[in-house]
Amino acid sequence: MSDTSTFFDLLAAGPRRQVLLALRGSDSLRVPDELVGERPADRPVDGESGARSHSGSGVDDVRLYHVHLPKLEAAGVVEWNRERRTVTRGPAFAAVEPGLDLLAENAEKLPDAAF
């Protein structure tokens, strides 16, 4: 990660914040099956990832898969294994972790929509 502006750009979208904050407390997250088109959207997703369920709007799911995860991967903060459907911490995750810790530790002082 090259600068503060890049850090804030990564945090600008709620789905990216959710992924990064979830990785703070976990080594990996499972990408729900409906994002790769193998599970009906109305079938519930188990909570094994610890992240929010992605059974909401299909548009949000498509954007996570085609916009947000690729952006996080390009920045090096996550590694996304599409075959295994997992997201893990990338080599640049350590550069954003102090900022994520600051957000999480001050969550009560931030607007509800921040997370």
Protein backbone atom coordinates (compact mmCIF):
# COMPACT_ATOMS: atom_id res chain seq x y z
CA MET A 1 0.00 0.00 0.00
CA SER A 2 1.51 3.24 -1.12
CA ASP A 3 -0.33 5.97 0.75
CA THR A 4 -3.13 7.12 3.03
CA SER A 5 -5.40 7.99 0.10
CA THR A 6 -5.27 4.39 -1.09
CA PHE A 7 -6.17 3.18 2.41
CA PHE A 8 -9.22 5.46 2.55
CA ASP A 9 -10.21 4.51 -0.99
CA LEU A 10 -10.26 0.84 0.05
CA LEU A 11 -12.45 1.72 3.04
CA ALA A 12 -14.81 3.92 1.00
CA ALA A 13 -17.22 1.07 0.19
CA GLY A 14 -19.09 -0.79 2.92
CA PRO A 15 -18.55 -4.28 1.45
CA ARG A 16 -14.78 -3.73 1.38
CA ARG A 17 -14.80 -2.46 4.98
CA GLN A 18 -16.80 -5.51 6.04
CA VAL A 19 -14.35 -7.91 4.38
CA LEU A 20 -11.30 -6.18 5.85
CA LEU A 21 -12.79 -5.92 9.33
CA ALA A 22 -13.83 -9.58 9.23
CA LEU A 23 -10.26 -10.56 8.28
CA ARG A 24 -9.01 -8.70 11.36
CA GLY A 25 -10.30 -11.55 13.49
CA SER A 26 -9.98 -14.45 11.06
CA ASP A 27 -7.35 -15.98 8.82
CA SER A 28 -9.80 -16.58 6.00
CA LEU A 29 -13.37 -15.98 4.88
CA ARG A 30 -15.53 -18.16 2.70
CA VAL A 31 -17.15 -16.44 -0.29
CA PRO A 32 -20.82 -17.53 -0.29
CA ASP A 33 -21.72 -19.96 -3.06
CA GLU A 34 -24.41 -17.76 -4.60
CA LEU A 35 -21.71 -15.28 -5.60
CA VAL A 36 -20.29 -17.87 -7.98
CA GLY A 37 -23.68 -19.00 -9.24
CA GLU A 38 -23.84 -22.48 -7.74
CA ARG A 39 -26.44 -21.99 -5.03
CA PRO A 40 -29.94 -20.60 -5.44
CA ALA A 41 -30.11 -17.07 -4.06
CA ASP A 42 -33.04 -17.98 -1.80
CA ARG A 43 -31.12 -20.76 -0.06
CA PRO A 44 -29.61 -19.55 3.25
CA VAL A 45 -25.87 -19.22 3.63
CA ASP A 46 -24.29 -20.57 6.79
CA GLY A 47 -22.35 -18.16 8.96
CA GLU A 48 -19.04 -20.00 8.87
CA SER A 49 -17.19 -16.96 7.53
CA GLY A 50 -18.20 -14.69 10.38
CA ALA A 51 -19.05 -12.03 7.78
CA ARG A 52 -22.51 -10.77 6.95
CA SER A 53 -24.73 -13.03 4.91
CA HIS A 54 -24.83 -12.08 1.26
CA SER A 55 -28.39 -13.20 0.68
CA GLY A 56 -29.53 -9.62 0.12
CA SER A 57 -29.63 -7.80 -3.16
CA GLY A 58 -28.16 -9.58 -6.15
CA VAL A 59 -26.62 -6.30 -7.30
CA ASP A 60 -24.59 -6.07 -4.08
CA ASP A 61 -23.44 -9.67 -4.52
CA VAL A 62 -22.35 -9.05 -8.10
CA ARG A 63 -20.46 -5.91 -7.07
CA LEU A 64 -18.68 -7.78 -4.26
CA TYR A 65 -17.55 -10.47 -6.69
CA HIS A 66 -16.73 -8.25 -9.68
CA VAL A 67 -15.68 -4.95 -8.07
CA HIS A 68 -14.85 -5.06 -4.36
CA LEU A 69 -12.89 -8.31 -4.00
CA PRO A 70 -10.82 -7.63 -7.15
CA LYS A 71 -10.00 -4.12 -5.86
CA LEU A 72 -8.85 -5.47 -2.49
CA GLU A 73 -6.83 -8.16 -4.26
CA ALA A 74 -5.19 -5.65 -6.63
CA ALA A 75 -4.11 -3.58 -3.62
CA GLY A 76 -2.53 -6.68 -2.08
CA VAL A 77 -4.57 -6.53 1.12
CA VAL A 78 -6.36 -9.80 0.37
CA GLU A 79 -5.69 -12.94 -1.61
CA TRP A 80 -8.78 -14.29 -3.29
CA ASN A 81 -8.83 -17.95 -4.27
CA ARG A 82 -11.80 -18.24 -6.60
CA GLU A 83 -11.54 -22.04 -6.88
CA ARG A 84 -11.62 -22.57 -3.11
CA ARG A 85 -13.97 -19.59 -2.69
CA THR A 86 -11.85 -18.12 0.09
CA VAL A 87 -10.43 -14.72 0.88
CA THR A 88 -7.33 -14.53 3.08
CA ARG A 89 -5.05 -11.76 4.28
CA GLY A 90 -2.74 -10.53 1.55
CA PRO A 91 0.87 -9.37 1.84
CA ALA A 92 -0.19 -5.73 2.32
CA PHE A 93 -2.80 -6.49 5.02
CA ALA A 94 -0.37 -5.52 7.79
CA ALA A 95 -0.23 -2.00 6.33
CA VAL A 96 -3.99 -1.49 6.79
CA GLU A 97 -4.42 -3.42 10.04
CA PRO A 98 -3.58 -0.50 12.40
CA GLY A 99 -6.24 1.63 10.69
CA LEU A 100 -8.76 -1.22 10.90
CA ASP A 101 -7.95 -1.64 14.60
CA LEU A 102 -8.58 2.07 15.12
CA LEU A 103 -11.96 1.84 13.39
CA ALA A 104 -13.02 -1.24 15.32
CA GLU A 105 -11.89 0.14 18.68
CA ASN A 106 -13.87 3.36 18.11
CA ALA A 107 -16.96 1.86 16.47
CA GLU A 108 -19.31 3.41 19.02
CA LYS A 109 -18.09 6.90 18.03
CA LEU A 110 -18.73 6.35 14.31
CA PRO A 111 -22.01 6.46 12.38
CA ASP A 112 -23.83 3.12 12.25
CA ALA A 113 -23.38 3.00 8.49
CA ALA A 114 -19.59 2.92 8.92
CA PHE A 115 -19.73 -0.84 9.36
